[in-house]
Amino acid sequence: MEFYSGDTKLGSKSAAPFTFQWNNVGEGTYSLTAIATDNEKGNTVSSAVSVTVTAEIAGTNIPPVVSISSPTKGNEYDNPTNIDIAVSASDP
């Protein structure tokens, strides 16, 4: 398996799992493909996938949002007890 960005070969893998970690990718838009070759030299090129890498802008991180949906404010429980706590969270 060969991994490409446009015409530039990024790397290859000869055995499963066929994964590749592309490090230190600069800003820009890239067209990624993979070429699989069998033991009789037949090959197939994947459909291209377009990815865009943008510059990280300092101070633009939006913190996650979290809220407790259960128990609700003001609930009272007898001691000893078990309290189920339900939380929802998302990261924009």
N, C-alpha and C. Protein backbone atom coordinates (compact mmCIF):
# COMPACT_ATOMS: atom_id res chain seq x y z
N MET A 1 0.85 -1.15 0.00
CA MET A 1 0.00 0.00 0.00
C MET A 1 0.90 1.22 0.00
N GLU A 2 0.63 2.14 -0.91
CA GLU A 2 1.38 3.38 -0.98
C GLU A 2 0.43 4.54 -0.73
N PHE A 3 0.92 5.53 0.00
CA PHE A 3 0.12 6.69 0.37
C PHE A 3 0.68 7.92 -0.33
N TYR A 4 -0.22 8.71 -0.96
CA TYR A 4 0.21 9.86 -1.74
C TYR A 4 -0.57 11.12 -1.36
N SER A 5 0.14 12.25 -1.48
CA SER A 5 -0.48 13.56 -1.47
C SER A 5 -0.18 14.14 -2.84
N GLY A 6 -1.21 14.20 -3.68
CA GLY A 6 -0.97 14.58 -5.07
C GLY A 6 -0.03 13.57 -5.70
N ASP A 7 1.08 14.04 -6.29
CA ASP A 7 2.08 13.14 -6.89
C ASP A 7 3.20 12.78 -5.93
N THR A 8 3.14 13.28 -4.71
CA THR A 8 4.21 13.04 -3.73
C THR A 8 3.91 11.80 -2.89
N LYS A 9 4.81 10.84 -2.96
CA LYS A 9 4.65 9.63 -2.16
C LYS A 9 5.00 9.96 -0.71
N LEU A 10 4.05 9.69 0.18
CA LEU A 10 4.25 9.97 1.60
C LEU A 10 4.87 8.80 2.34
N GLY A 11 4.55 7.59 1.90
CA GLY A 11 5.06 6.40 2.56
C GLY A 11 4.38 5.16 2.02
N SER A 12 4.75 4.01 2.59
CA SER A 12 4.15 2.75 2.15
C SER A 12 4.08 1.78 3.33
N LYS A 13 3.25 0.78 3.17
CA LYS A 13 3.06 -0.27 4.15
C LYS A 13 2.90 -1.58 3.41
N SER A 14 3.64 -2.61 3.81
CA SER A 14 3.56 -3.88 3.08
C SER A 14 2.67 -4.91 3.76
N ALA A 15 2.17 -4.62 4.96
CA ALA A 15 1.30 -5.56 5.66
C ALA A 15 0.23 -4.79 6.44
N ALA A 16 -0.88 -5.45 6.65
CA ALA A 16 -1.98 -4.85 7.43
C ALA A 16 -1.54 -4.66 8.87
N PRO A 17 -2.02 -3.69 9.58
CA PRO A 17 -3.03 -2.74 9.13
C PRO A 17 -2.41 -1.67 8.23
N PHE A 18 -3.12 -1.29 7.22
CA PHE A 18 -2.61 -0.33 6.25
C PHE A 18 -2.93 1.09 6.72
N THR A 19 -2.13 1.59 7.64
CA THR A 19 -2.29 2.93 8.17
C THR A 19 -0.98 3.68 8.00
N PHE A 20 -1.10 4.99 7.96
CA PHE A 20 0.09 5.82 7.82
C PHE A 20 -0.14 7.10 8.61
N GLN A 21 0.84 7.50 9.40
CA GLN A 21 0.73 8.75 10.15
C GLN A 21 1.59 9.80 9.46
N TRP A 22 0.95 10.80 8.95
CA TRP A 22 1.61 11.89 8.24
C TRP A 22 1.84 13.00 9.25
N ASN A 23 3.09 13.27 9.57
CA ASN A 23 3.44 14.23 10.62
C ASN A 23 3.87 15.57 10.06
N ASN A 24 3.75 16.60 10.87
CA ASN A 24 4.22 17.95 10.55
C ASN A 24 3.69 18.45 9.21
N VAL A 25 2.41 18.26 9.00
CA VAL A 25 1.77 18.67 7.75
C VAL A 25 1.56 20.18 7.79
N GLY A 26 2.04 20.85 6.78
CA GLY A 26 1.91 22.31 6.70
C GLY A 26 0.53 22.74 6.28
N GLU A 27 0.30 24.03 6.43
CA GLU A 27 -0.96 24.62 6.01
C GLU A 27 -1.19 24.39 4.53
N GLY A 28 -2.43 24.12 4.13
CA GLY A 28 -2.75 23.95 2.73
C GLY A 28 -3.86 22.95 2.51
N THR A 29 -4.20 22.75 1.27
CA THR A 29 -5.22 21.77 0.88
C THR A 29 -4.51 20.66 0.13
N TYR A 30 -4.82 19.43 0.48
CA TYR A 30 -4.12 18.27 -0.06
C TYR A 30 -5.11 17.28 -0.64
N SER A 31 -4.70 16.60 -1.70
CA SER A 31 -5.48 15.54 -2.31
C SER A 31 -4.77 14.22 -2.00
N LEU A 32 -5.40 13.41 -1.14
CA LEU A 32 -4.78 12.16 -0.68
C LEU A 32 -5.34 10.96 -1.43
N THR A 33 -4.45 10.06 -1.82
CA THR A 33 -4.85 8.80 -2.45
C THR A 33 -3.99 7.67 -1.90
N ALA A 34 -4.43 6.46 -2.14
CA ALA A 34 -3.67 5.27 -1.78
C ALA A 34 -3.67 4.34 -2.98
N ILE A 35 -2.56 3.63 -3.17
CA ILE A 35 -2.46 2.66 -4.26
C ILE A 35 -2.21 1.29 -3.64
N ALA A 36 -3.10 0.36 -3.95
CA ALA A 36 -2.95 -1.03 -3.50
C ALA A 36 -2.39 -1.84 -4.65
N THR A 37 -1.36 -2.64 -4.37
CA THR A 37 -0.74 -3.49 -5.39
C THR A 37 -0.77 -4.93 -4.89
N ASP A 38 -1.23 -5.86 -5.75
CA ASP A 38 -1.28 -7.26 -5.33
C ASP A 38 0.02 -7.98 -5.68
N ASN A 39 0.09 -9.26 -5.36
CA ASN A 39 1.32 -10.02 -5.56
C ASN A 39 1.62 -10.31 -7.02
N GLU A 40 0.72 -9.96 -7.94
CA GLU A 40 0.98 -10.12 -9.37
C GLU A 40 1.16 -8.76 -10.05
N LYS A 41 1.44 -7.75 -9.25
CA LYS A 41 1.72 -6.38 -9.71
C LYS A 41 0.51 -5.63 -10.26
N GLY A 42 -0.70 -6.18 -10.05
CA GLY A 42 -1.90 -5.43 -10.41
C GLY A 42 -2.13 -4.37 -9.35
N ASN A 43 -2.62 -3.19 -9.75
CA ASN A 43 -2.85 -2.16 -8.74
C ASN A 43 -4.11 -1.37 -9.01
N THR A 44 -4.59 -0.73 -7.96
CA THR A 44 -5.76 0.12 -8.03
C THR A 44 -5.50 1.36 -7.20
N VAL A 45 -5.91 2.51 -7.73
CA VAL A 45 -5.77 3.78 -7.02
C VAL A 45 -7.11 4.12 -6.39
N SER A 46 -7.08 4.52 -5.13
CA SER A 46 -8.31 4.91 -4.43
C SER A 46 -8.86 6.21 -5.02
N SER A 47 -10.09 6.49 -4.69
CA SER A 47 -10.64 7.81 -4.99
C SER A 47 -9.89 8.81 -4.13
N ALA A 48 -9.72 10.02 -4.63
CA ALA A 48 -9.01 11.06 -3.88
C ALA A 48 -9.89 11.61 -2.76
N VAL A 49 -9.24 11.95 -1.66
CA VAL A 49 -9.89 12.61 -0.54
C VAL A 49 -9.18 13.94 -0.33
N SER A 50 -9.95 15.01 -0.29
CA SER A 50 -9.37 16.33 -0.10
C SER A 50 -9.41 16.69 1.39
N VAL A 51 -8.27 17.13 1.93
CA VAL A 51 -8.21 17.60 3.31
C VAL A 51 -7.55 18.98 3.33
N THR A 52 -7.94 19.78 4.30
CA THR A 52 -7.38 21.11 4.44
C THR A 52 -6.79 21.26 5.84
N VAL A 53 -5.57 21.74 5.91
CA VAL A 53 -4.91 22.02 7.18
C VAL A 53 -4.82 23.54 7.30
N THR A 54 -5.36 24.04 8.41
CA THR A 54 -5.34 25.49 8.63
C THR A 54 -4.42 25.82 9.80
N ALA A 55 -3.97 27.03 9.82
CA ALA A 55 -3.08 27.48 10.90
C ALA A 55 -3.88 27.59 12.19
N GLU A 56 -3.28 27.17 13.28
CA GLU A 56 -3.91 27.32 14.58
C GLU A 56 -3.77 28.79 14.98
N ILE A 57 -4.87 29.37 15.35
CA ILE A 57 -4.86 30.77 15.76
C ILE A 57 -4.96 30.80 17.28
N ALA A 58 -3.95 31.36 17.92
CA ALA A 58 -3.90 31.40 19.38
C ALA A 58 -5.13 32.10 19.94
N GLY A 59 -5.67 31.54 21.00
CA GLY A 59 -6.79 32.17 21.68
C GLY A 59 -8.14 31.86 21.08
N THR A 60 -8.22 31.00 20.08
CA THR A 60 -9.51 30.72 19.46
C THR A 60 -10.13 29.43 19.97
N ASN A 61 -9.47 28.74 20.89
CA ASN A 61 -10.04 27.51 21.43
C ASN A 61 -11.30 27.84 22.22
N ILE A 62 -12.38 27.17 21.88
CA ILE A 62 -13.62 27.34 22.63
C ILE A 62 -13.70 26.17 23.60
N PRO A 63 -13.81 26.45 24.91
CA PRO A 63 -13.83 25.36 25.88
C PRO A 63 -15.05 24.46 25.70
N PRO A 64 -14.95 23.23 26.20
CA PRO A 64 -16.10 22.33 26.14
C PRO A 64 -17.28 22.87 26.96
N VAL A 65 -18.46 22.39 26.63
CA VAL A 65 -19.68 22.73 27.36
C VAL A 65 -20.09 21.49 28.13
N VAL A 66 -20.38 21.64 29.41
CA VAL A 66 -20.77 20.49 30.23
C VAL A 66 -21.90 20.91 31.16
N SER A 67 -22.87 20.00 31.35
CA SER A 67 -23.95 20.27 32.28
C SER A 67 -24.41 18.97 32.92
N ILE A 68 -24.83 19.09 34.17
CA ILE A 68 -25.37 17.94 34.91
C ILE A 68 -26.88 17.98 34.75
N SER A 69 -27.44 16.90 34.20
CA SER A 69 -28.89 16.86 34.00
C SER A 69 -29.60 16.11 35.11
N SER A 70 -28.85 15.32 35.85
CA SER A 70 -29.42 14.59 36.97
C SER A 70 -28.32 14.29 37.96
N PRO A 71 -28.53 14.53 39.23
CA PRO A 71 -29.76 15.00 39.87
C PRO A 71 -29.96 16.49 39.61
N THR A 72 -31.17 16.94 39.81
CA THR A 72 -31.44 18.36 39.62
C THR A 72 -31.14 19.13 40.91
N LYS A 73 -30.96 20.40 40.76
CA LYS A 73 -30.61 21.27 41.88
C LYS A 73 -31.67 21.16 42.98
N GLY A 74 -31.20 20.99 44.20
CA GLY A 74 -32.09 20.97 45.36
C GLY A 74 -32.61 19.59 45.74
N ASN A 75 -32.25 18.54 44.99
CA ASN A 75 -32.71 17.20 45.38
C ASN A 75 -32.16 16.85 46.75
N GLU A 76 -32.94 16.12 47.53
CA GLU A 76 -32.50 15.66 48.84
C GLU A 76 -32.57 14.15 48.87
N TYR A 77 -31.62 13.52 49.59
CA TYR A 77 -31.53 12.08 49.66
C TYR A 77 -31.32 11.67 51.11
N ASP A 78 -31.85 10.49 51.47
CA ASP A 78 -31.61 9.93 52.79
C ASP A 78 -30.24 9.28 52.80
N ASN A 79 -29.56 9.37 53.93
CA ASN A 79 -28.23 8.79 54.08
C ASN A 79 -28.36 7.41 54.70
N PRO A 80 -27.66 6.40 54.24
CA PRO A 80 -26.79 6.32 53.07
C PRO A 80 -27.60 6.15 51.79
N THR A 81 -27.04 6.53 50.66
CA THR A 81 -27.76 6.41 49.39
C THR A 81 -26.77 6.29 48.24
N ASN A 82 -27.28 5.88 47.11
CA ASN A 82 -26.53 5.90 45.86
C ASN A 82 -27.18 6.95 44.97
N ILE A 83 -26.38 7.82 44.39
CA ILE A 83 -26.91 8.87 43.54
C ILE A 83 -26.34 8.69 42.13
N ASP A 84 -27.23 8.52 41.16
CA ASP A 84 -26.81 8.46 39.75
C ASP A 84 -26.65 9.88 39.22
N ILE A 85 -25.50 10.14 38.64
CA ILE A 85 -25.21 11.46 38.10
C ILE A 85 -25.15 11.34 36.58
N ALA A 86 -25.96 12.13 35.89
CA ALA A 86 -25.98 12.14 34.42
C ALA A 86 -25.43 13.47 33.93
N VAL A 87 -24.51 13.40 33.01
CA VAL A 87 -23.84 14.59 32.49
C VAL A 87 -23.87 14.56 30.97
N SER A 88 -24.04 15.73 30.37
CA SER A 88 -23.88 15.82 28.92
C SER A 88 -22.75 16.80 28.66
N ALA A 89 -21.94 16.49 27.64
CA ALA A 89 -20.80 17.33 27.31
C ALA A 89 -20.60 17.36 25.80
N SER A 90 -20.12 18.49 25.32
CA SER A 90 -19.78 18.60 23.90
C SER A 90 -18.62 19.57 23.78
N ASP A 91 -17.89 19.44 22.69
CA ASP A 91 -16.74 20.30 22.45
C ASP A 91 -16.88 20.91 21.06
N PRO A 92 -17.24 22.19 21.03
CA PRO A 92 -17.45 22.83 19.72
C PRO A 92 -16.16 22.92 18.94
